[in-house]
N, C-alpha and C. Protein backbone atom coordinates (compact mmCIF):
# COMPACT_ATOMS: atom_id res chain seq x y z
N MET A 1 0.85 -1.17 0.00
CA MET A 1 0.00 0.00 0.00
C MET A 1 0.89 1.23 0.00
N MET A 2 0.49 2.21 -0.80
CA MET A 2 1.24 3.46 -0.89
C MET A 2 0.36 4.59 -0.36
N ILE A 3 0.97 5.48 0.40
CA ILE A 3 0.25 6.65 0.90
C ILE A 3 0.68 7.85 0.08
N ASP A 4 -0.30 8.55 -0.46
CA ASP A 4 -0.03 9.76 -1.23
C ASP A 4 0.13 10.91 -0.23
N TRP A 5 1.37 11.18 0.17
CA TRP A 5 1.64 12.16 1.21
C TRP A 5 1.26 13.57 0.79
N THR A 6 1.18 13.83 -0.52
CA THR A 6 0.77 15.17 -0.96
C THR A 6 -0.72 15.39 -0.73
N ALA A 7 -1.48 14.29 -0.64
CA ALA A 7 -2.92 14.40 -0.40
C ALA A 7 -3.27 14.17 1.08
N PHE A 8 -2.26 13.95 1.91
CA PHE A 8 -2.48 13.73 3.34
C PHE A 8 -2.76 15.07 4.00
N THR A 9 -3.97 15.24 4.51
CA THR A 9 -4.39 16.53 5.04
C THR A 9 -4.94 16.37 6.46
N PRO A 10 -4.07 16.18 7.44
CA PRO A 10 -4.57 15.93 8.80
C PRO A 10 -5.29 17.13 9.41
N TRP A 11 -4.89 18.34 9.06
CA TRP A 11 -5.51 19.51 9.70
C TRP A 11 -6.94 19.71 9.23
N SER A 12 -7.18 19.54 7.94
CA SER A 12 -8.56 19.69 7.46
C SER A 12 -9.42 18.53 7.96
N ALA A 13 -8.84 17.34 8.06
CA ALA A 13 -9.58 16.20 8.60
C ALA A 13 -9.92 16.43 10.07
N LEU A 14 -8.97 16.97 10.82
CA LEU A 14 -9.22 17.28 12.23
C LEU A 14 -10.30 18.35 12.37
N ALA A 15 -10.21 19.38 11.55
CA ALA A 15 -11.23 20.44 11.60
C ALA A 15 -12.61 19.89 11.25
N GLY A 16 -12.67 19.04 10.24
CA GLY A 16 -13.95 18.43 9.87
C GLY A 16 -14.52 17.57 10.98
N GLY A 17 -13.67 16.79 11.63
CA GLY A 17 -14.11 15.96 12.74
C GLY A 17 -14.62 16.78 13.91
N VAL A 18 -13.92 17.87 14.19
CA VAL A 18 -14.35 18.75 15.28
C VAL A 18 -15.71 19.38 14.95
N LEU A 19 -15.89 19.82 13.70
CA LEU A 19 -17.16 20.42 13.30
C LEU A 19 -18.31 19.40 13.36
N ILE A 20 -18.05 18.17 12.92
CA ILE A 20 -19.08 17.14 12.99
C ILE A 20 -19.44 16.85 14.45
N GLY A 21 -18.43 16.70 15.30
CA GLY A 21 -18.68 16.46 16.72
C GLY A 21 -19.41 17.60 17.38
N LEU A 22 -19.02 18.83 17.05
CA LEU A 22 -19.69 20.00 17.62
C LEU A 22 -21.15 20.08 17.17
N ALA A 23 -21.39 19.84 15.88
CA ALA A 23 -22.77 19.88 15.37
C ALA A 23 -23.62 18.80 16.03
N ALA A 24 -23.07 17.60 16.16
CA ALA A 24 -23.82 16.50 16.79
C ALA A 24 -24.11 16.81 18.26
N ALA A 25 -23.11 17.35 18.96
CA ALA A 25 -23.29 17.68 20.38
C ALA A 25 -24.31 18.80 20.55
N LEU A 26 -24.25 19.82 19.71
CA LEU A 26 -25.20 20.93 19.82
C LEU A 26 -26.63 20.49 19.51
N LEU A 27 -26.78 19.61 18.51
CA LEU A 27 -28.12 19.14 18.17
C LEU A 27 -28.72 18.35 19.33
N VAL A 28 -27.93 17.53 19.98
CA VAL A 28 -28.46 16.73 21.08
C VAL A 28 -28.68 17.59 22.32
N LEU A 29 -27.79 18.56 22.57
CA LEU A 29 -27.94 19.41 23.75
C LEU A 29 -29.06 20.43 23.61
N LEU A 30 -29.18 21.03 22.44
CA LEU A 30 -30.15 22.10 22.26
C LEU A 30 -31.51 21.63 21.76
N ASN A 31 -31.51 20.47 21.07
CA ASN A 31 -32.76 20.02 20.46
C ASN A 31 -33.18 18.63 20.96
N GLY A 32 -32.29 17.95 21.66
CA GLY A 32 -32.60 16.62 22.16
C GLY A 32 -32.70 15.58 21.07
N ARG A 33 -32.10 15.84 19.91
CA ARG A 33 -32.18 14.94 18.76
C ARG A 33 -30.81 14.39 18.40
N ILE A 34 -30.80 13.19 17.84
CA ILE A 34 -29.58 12.54 17.38
C ILE A 34 -29.33 12.95 15.94
N ALA A 35 -28.08 13.27 15.62
CA ALA A 35 -27.72 13.71 14.26
C ALA A 35 -27.48 12.52 13.34
N GLY A 36 -28.49 11.71 13.16
CA GLY A 36 -28.43 10.61 12.21
C GLY A 36 -29.14 11.04 10.93
N ILE A 37 -28.42 11.06 9.83
CA ILE A 37 -28.96 11.62 8.60
C ILE A 37 -30.17 10.84 8.10
N SER A 38 -30.12 9.50 8.19
CA SER A 38 -31.26 8.73 7.70
C SER A 38 -32.51 9.02 8.52
N GLY A 39 -32.37 9.21 9.81
CA GLY A 39 -33.52 9.54 10.65
C GLY A 39 -34.04 10.94 10.39
N ILE A 40 -33.12 11.87 10.15
CA ILE A 40 -33.53 13.25 9.88
C ILE A 40 -34.28 13.33 8.56
N VAL A 41 -33.73 12.72 7.51
CA VAL A 41 -34.41 12.74 6.21
C VAL A 41 -35.68 11.90 6.26
N GLY A 42 -35.64 10.76 6.94
CA GLY A 42 -36.84 9.93 7.08
C GLY A 42 -37.96 10.69 7.76
N GLY A 43 -37.62 11.54 8.72
CA GLY A 43 -38.63 12.36 9.38
C GLY A 43 -39.25 13.39 8.46
N LEU A 44 -38.54 13.77 7.42
CA LEU A 44 -39.11 14.69 6.42
C LEU A 44 -40.09 13.96 5.51
N LEU A 45 -39.88 12.67 5.32
CA LEU A 45 -40.77 11.90 4.45
C LEU A 45 -42.09 11.57 5.14
N THR A 46 -42.05 11.49 6.46
CA THR A 46 -43.27 11.27 7.25
C THR A 46 -43.34 12.37 8.31
N PRO A 47 -43.65 13.59 7.89
CA PRO A 47 -43.55 14.74 8.80
C PRO A 47 -44.60 14.73 9.92
N LYS A 48 -44.17 15.26 11.06
CA LYS A 48 -45.07 15.48 12.19
C LYS A 48 -45.12 17.00 12.43
N PRO A 49 -46.25 17.51 12.88
CA PRO A 49 -46.36 18.95 13.12
C PRO A 49 -45.30 19.44 14.11
N GLY A 50 -44.66 20.55 13.77
CA GLY A 50 -43.64 21.15 14.64
C GLY A 50 -42.29 20.46 14.59
N ASP A 51 -42.14 19.48 13.70
CA ASP A 51 -40.89 18.71 13.66
C ASP A 51 -40.18 18.86 12.31
N ILE A 52 -40.65 19.77 11.48
CA ILE A 52 -40.10 19.88 10.13
C ILE A 52 -38.99 20.91 10.03
N GLY A 53 -39.13 22.03 10.74
CA GLY A 53 -38.21 23.16 10.59
C GLY A 53 -36.75 22.81 10.85
N TRP A 54 -36.46 22.17 11.98
CA TRP A 54 -35.07 21.85 12.28
C TRP A 54 -34.51 20.82 11.31
N ARG A 55 -35.37 19.90 10.84
CA ARG A 55 -34.91 18.90 9.87
C ARG A 55 -34.54 19.56 8.54
N LEU A 56 -35.40 20.49 8.08
CA LEU A 56 -35.10 21.22 6.85
C LEU A 56 -33.82 22.04 6.99
N ALA A 57 -33.66 22.69 8.14
CA ALA A 57 -32.45 23.49 8.37
C ALA A 57 -31.20 22.61 8.35
N PHE A 58 -31.28 21.43 8.95
CA PHE A 58 -30.13 20.52 8.98
C PHE A 58 -29.76 20.07 7.57
N VAL A 59 -30.77 19.63 6.80
CA VAL A 59 -30.52 19.17 5.43
C VAL A 59 -30.04 20.33 4.56
N ALA A 60 -30.60 21.52 4.75
CA ALA A 60 -30.15 22.69 3.99
C ALA A 60 -28.69 22.99 4.28
N GLY A 61 -28.28 22.82 5.54
CA GLY A 61 -26.87 23.02 5.89
C GLY A 61 -25.97 22.04 5.17
N LEU A 62 -26.42 20.80 5.04
CA LEU A 62 -25.62 19.79 4.32
C LEU A 62 -25.49 20.13 2.84
N VAL A 63 -26.57 20.65 2.27
CA VAL A 63 -26.56 20.98 0.85
C VAL A 63 -25.79 22.27 0.58
N LEU A 64 -25.92 23.24 1.48
CA LEU A 64 -25.29 24.54 1.25
C LEU A 64 -23.81 24.60 1.63
N ALA A 65 -23.34 23.67 2.43
CA ALA A 65 -21.93 23.69 2.85
C ALA A 65 -20.96 23.69 1.66
N PRO A 66 -21.13 22.82 0.66
CA PRO A 66 -20.20 22.90 -0.49
C PRO A 66 -20.30 24.21 -1.24
N VAL A 67 -21.49 24.80 -1.29
CA VAL A 67 -21.65 26.09 -1.98
C VAL A 67 -20.86 27.17 -1.24
N LEU A 68 -20.94 27.17 0.08
CA LEU A 68 -20.17 28.12 0.88
C LEU A 68 -18.68 27.87 0.75
N TRP A 69 -18.29 26.61 0.66
CA TRP A 69 -16.87 26.26 0.50
C TRP A 69 -16.32 26.86 -0.79
N LEU A 70 -17.14 26.90 -1.82
CA LEU A 70 -16.70 27.46 -3.11
C LEU A 70 -16.29 28.93 -2.99
N ALA A 71 -16.80 29.63 -1.99
CA ALA A 71 -16.41 31.02 -1.78
C ALA A 71 -14.98 31.13 -1.28
N VAL A 72 -14.46 30.04 -0.71
CA VAL A 72 -13.12 30.05 -0.13
C VAL A 72 -12.11 29.32 -1.01
N ALA A 73 -12.51 28.19 -1.56
CA ALA A 73 -11.59 27.36 -2.34
C ALA A 73 -12.38 26.51 -3.34
N ALA A 74 -11.65 25.86 -4.21
CA ALA A 74 -12.29 24.97 -5.19
C ALA A 74 -12.64 23.65 -4.51
N LEU A 75 -13.73 23.07 -4.97
CA LEU A 75 -14.09 21.75 -4.48
C LEU A 75 -13.11 20.72 -5.03
N PRO A 76 -12.83 19.66 -4.27
CA PRO A 76 -11.94 18.62 -4.81
C PRO A 76 -12.63 17.92 -5.98
N PRO A 77 -11.84 17.39 -6.90
CA PRO A 77 -12.45 16.70 -8.04
C PRO A 77 -13.17 15.43 -7.57
N ILE A 78 -14.31 15.17 -8.17
CA ILE A 78 -15.09 13.98 -7.84
C ILE A 78 -14.86 12.95 -8.93
N GLN A 79 -14.41 11.77 -8.52
CA GLN A 79 -14.14 10.71 -9.48
C GLN A 79 -14.86 9.46 -8.99
N ILE A 80 -15.87 9.03 -9.73
CA ILE A 80 -16.63 7.85 -9.39
C ILE A 80 -16.38 6.82 -10.48
N GLU A 81 -15.86 5.69 -10.07
CA GLU A 81 -15.49 4.65 -11.03
C GLU A 81 -16.53 3.53 -11.06
N ALA A 82 -17.78 3.93 -11.17
CA ALA A 82 -18.87 2.95 -11.26
C ALA A 82 -19.96 3.53 -12.16
N GLY A 83 -20.70 2.65 -12.76
CA GLY A 83 -21.80 3.08 -13.62
C GLY A 83 -23.06 3.36 -12.82
N TYR A 84 -24.04 3.95 -13.49
CA TYR A 84 -25.29 4.30 -12.82
C TYR A 84 -26.04 3.09 -12.25
N PRO A 85 -26.10 1.96 -12.96
CA PRO A 85 -26.82 0.81 -12.38
C PRO A 85 -26.21 0.37 -11.03
N LEU A 86 -24.90 0.32 -10.94
CA LEU A 86 -24.26 -0.08 -9.69
C LEU A 86 -24.51 0.97 -8.60
N LEU A 87 -24.46 2.24 -8.95
CA LEU A 87 -24.73 3.29 -7.97
C LEU A 87 -26.16 3.23 -7.46
N ILE A 88 -27.10 2.94 -8.35
CA ILE A 88 -28.50 2.83 -7.93
C ILE A 88 -28.68 1.65 -6.99
N VAL A 89 -28.12 0.50 -7.34
CA VAL A 89 -28.21 -0.67 -6.47
C VAL A 89 -27.55 -0.39 -5.12
N ALA A 90 -26.38 0.23 -5.14
CA ALA A 90 -25.68 0.55 -3.89
C ALA A 90 -26.51 1.50 -3.03
N GLY A 91 -27.13 2.50 -3.64
CA GLY A 91 -27.97 3.43 -2.89
C GLY A 91 -29.17 2.74 -2.27
N LEU A 92 -29.79 1.83 -3.01
CA LEU A 92 -30.92 1.08 -2.47
C LEU A 92 -30.50 0.17 -1.32
N VAL A 93 -29.34 -0.47 -1.45
CA VAL A 93 -28.84 -1.34 -0.38
C VAL A 93 -28.55 -0.51 0.87
N VAL A 94 -27.92 0.64 0.70
CA VAL A 94 -27.64 1.50 1.86
C VAL A 94 -28.94 1.98 2.48
N GLY A 95 -29.90 2.41 1.68
CA GLY A 95 -31.18 2.87 2.21
C GLY A 95 -31.90 1.77 2.97
N PHE A 96 -31.96 0.58 2.39
CA PHE A 96 -32.60 -0.55 3.07
C PHE A 96 -31.87 -0.87 4.38
N SER A 97 -30.55 -0.85 4.33
CA SER A 97 -29.75 -1.22 5.50
C SER A 97 -29.91 -0.22 6.63
N THR A 98 -30.03 1.06 6.31
CA THR A 98 -30.20 2.04 7.39
C THR A 98 -31.55 1.88 8.07
N ARG A 99 -32.56 1.49 7.31
CA ARG A 99 -33.87 1.25 7.93
C ARG A 99 -33.84 -0.05 8.73
N TYR A 100 -33.22 -1.09 8.19
CA TYR A 100 -33.14 -2.38 8.87
C TYR A 100 -32.29 -2.28 10.13
N GLY A 101 -31.21 -1.52 10.06
CA GLY A 101 -30.31 -1.35 11.21
C GLY A 101 -30.70 -0.20 12.12
N THR A 102 -31.86 0.39 11.88
CA THR A 102 -32.38 1.52 12.64
C THR A 102 -31.37 2.64 12.83
N GLY A 103 -30.69 2.98 11.75
CA GLY A 103 -29.77 4.11 11.80
C GLY A 103 -28.66 3.99 10.78
N CYS A 104 -27.95 5.07 10.59
CA CYS A 104 -26.87 5.12 9.62
C CYS A 104 -25.53 5.32 10.34
N THR A 105 -24.48 5.45 9.56
CA THR A 105 -23.16 5.60 10.15
C THR A 105 -23.05 6.85 11.00
N SER A 106 -23.71 7.92 10.60
CA SER A 106 -23.63 9.14 11.40
C SER A 106 -24.38 8.98 12.71
N GLY A 107 -25.54 8.35 12.67
CA GLY A 107 -26.32 8.16 13.89
C GLY A 107 -25.66 7.19 14.85
N HIS A 108 -25.25 6.03 14.34
CA HIS A 108 -24.62 5.02 15.20
C HIS A 108 -23.16 5.35 15.49
N GLY A 109 -22.40 5.65 14.42
CA GLY A 109 -20.95 5.82 14.58
C GLY A 109 -20.53 7.07 15.31
N VAL A 110 -21.21 8.17 15.08
CA VAL A 110 -20.82 9.42 15.72
C VAL A 110 -21.59 9.62 17.02
N CYS A 111 -22.90 9.58 16.92
CA CYS A 111 -23.74 9.90 18.08
C CYS A 111 -23.92 8.72 19.03
N GLY A 112 -24.16 7.53 18.48
CA GLY A 112 -24.41 6.38 19.33
C GLY A 112 -23.21 5.96 20.15
N ILE A 113 -22.05 5.92 19.53
CA ILE A 113 -20.84 5.54 20.27
C ILE A 113 -20.51 6.57 21.33
N SER A 114 -20.71 7.85 21.01
CA SER A 114 -20.40 8.88 22.01
C SER A 114 -21.33 8.79 23.22
N ARG A 115 -22.52 8.20 23.02
CA ARG A 115 -23.46 7.98 24.14
C ARG A 115 -23.26 6.61 24.78
N LEU A 116 -22.25 5.87 24.29
CA LEU A 116 -21.95 4.51 24.77
C LEU A 116 -23.14 3.56 24.61
N SER A 117 -23.88 3.74 23.54
CA SER A 117 -25.02 2.88 23.25
C SER A 117 -24.53 1.51 22.78
N PRO A 118 -24.86 0.43 23.49
CA PRO A 118 -24.42 -0.90 23.06
C PRO A 118 -24.91 -1.25 21.65
N ARG A 119 -26.16 -0.88 21.33
CA ARG A 119 -26.70 -1.16 20.00
C ARG A 119 -25.89 -0.46 18.92
N SER A 120 -25.49 0.79 19.19
CA SER A 120 -24.71 1.54 18.21
C SER A 120 -23.29 1.00 18.08
N ILE A 121 -22.71 0.56 19.18
CA ILE A 121 -21.37 -0.02 19.12
C ILE A 121 -21.39 -1.29 18.28
N VAL A 122 -22.38 -2.15 18.49
CA VAL A 122 -22.51 -3.38 17.70
C VAL A 122 -22.76 -3.04 16.23
N ALA A 123 -23.66 -2.08 15.96
CA ALA A 123 -23.96 -1.69 14.58
C ALA A 123 -22.71 -1.14 13.89
N THR A 124 -21.95 -0.30 14.59
CA THR A 124 -20.74 0.27 14.00
C THR A 124 -19.71 -0.82 13.73
N LEU A 125 -19.53 -1.74 14.66
CA LEU A 125 -18.61 -2.86 14.43
C LEU A 125 -19.07 -3.68 13.22
N ALA A 126 -20.37 -3.88 13.07
CA ALA A 126 -20.90 -4.66 11.95
C ALA A 126 -20.63 -3.98 10.61
N PHE A 127 -20.96 -2.67 10.49
CA PHE A 127 -20.74 -2.06 9.18
C PHE A 127 -19.27 -1.79 8.89
N MET A 128 -18.45 -1.58 9.92
CA MET A 128 -17.01 -1.44 9.68
C MET A 128 -16.42 -2.78 9.22
N THR A 129 -16.83 -3.86 9.86
CA THR A 129 -16.35 -5.19 9.46
C THR A 129 -16.78 -5.51 8.04
N ALA A 130 -18.04 -5.21 7.71
CA ALA A 130 -18.52 -5.44 6.34
C ALA A 130 -17.72 -4.62 5.33
N GLY A 131 -17.39 -3.38 5.69
CA GLY A 131 -16.58 -2.55 4.80
C GLY A 131 -15.18 -3.10 4.61
N PHE A 132 -14.55 -3.54 5.69
CA PHE A 132 -13.20 -4.12 5.60
C PHE A 132 -13.21 -5.36 4.72
N ILE A 133 -14.19 -6.22 4.93
CA ILE A 133 -14.28 -7.45 4.13
C ILE A 133 -14.52 -7.12 2.66
N THR A 134 -15.40 -6.17 2.40
CA THR A 134 -15.69 -5.78 1.01
C THR A 134 -14.44 -5.26 0.32
N VAL A 135 -13.69 -4.39 0.98
CA VAL A 135 -12.46 -3.85 0.38
C VAL A 135 -11.45 -4.97 0.15
N PHE A 136 -11.29 -5.87 1.11
CA PHE A 136 -10.35 -6.97 0.95
C PHE A 136 -10.72 -7.85 -0.24
N VAL A 137 -12.00 -8.21 -0.32
CA VAL A 137 -12.45 -9.07 -1.42
C VAL A 137 -12.27 -8.36 -2.76
N MET A 138 -12.68 -7.09 -2.83
CA MET A 138 -12.59 -6.37 -4.09
C MET A 138 -11.15 -6.13 -4.54
N ARG A 139 -10.26 -5.84 -3.60
CA ARG A 139 -8.88 -5.52 -3.98
C ARG A 139 -7.97 -6.73 -4.10
N HIS A 140 -8.21 -7.74 -3.26
CA HIS A 140 -7.24 -8.83 -3.21
C HIS A 140 -7.75 -10.14 -3.79
N LEU A 141 -9.04 -10.38 -3.78
CA LEU A 141 -9.56 -11.63 -4.32
C LEU A 141 -10.11 -11.47 -5.73
N ILE A 142 -10.87 -10.41 -5.95
CA ILE A 142 -11.44 -10.16 -7.28
C ILE A 142 -10.46 -9.35 -8.13
N GLY A 143 -9.71 -8.48 -7.48
CA GLY A 143 -8.71 -7.68 -8.20
C GLY A 143 -9.26 -6.40 -8.78
N GLY A 144 -10.28 -5.81 -8.15
CA GLY A 144 -10.92 -4.60 -8.64
C GLY A 144 -10.22 -3.36 -8.31
């Protein structure tokens, strides 16, 4: 394995992690809600009175962040090495899995582990293990 040291950016990664942690902590402290993206968007699909505003604001922040970034610097190039059929299947699998696992990586991995939730720790171990196995199979057994 080779590390591209010119693309190694620990300071921006640290800043991003701090911002994610701060946003998750503020949402739980000020609103009593977990910053799980699948739950936030799912709540928009089945809205309850008085529960839409903060969800829209959260999703708007996710969408507008790259636009604001453009005022400071160029966005990194996006390179996706898969066709649309595979991306659609992958999106459906992720969507189904977040509903089946009652949460996504942001909800379980960031918020659940920080709350020492046993369910979130098990869920995070499960999807991390699945990711490790998938990368190993794709890179070393299939040769992708």
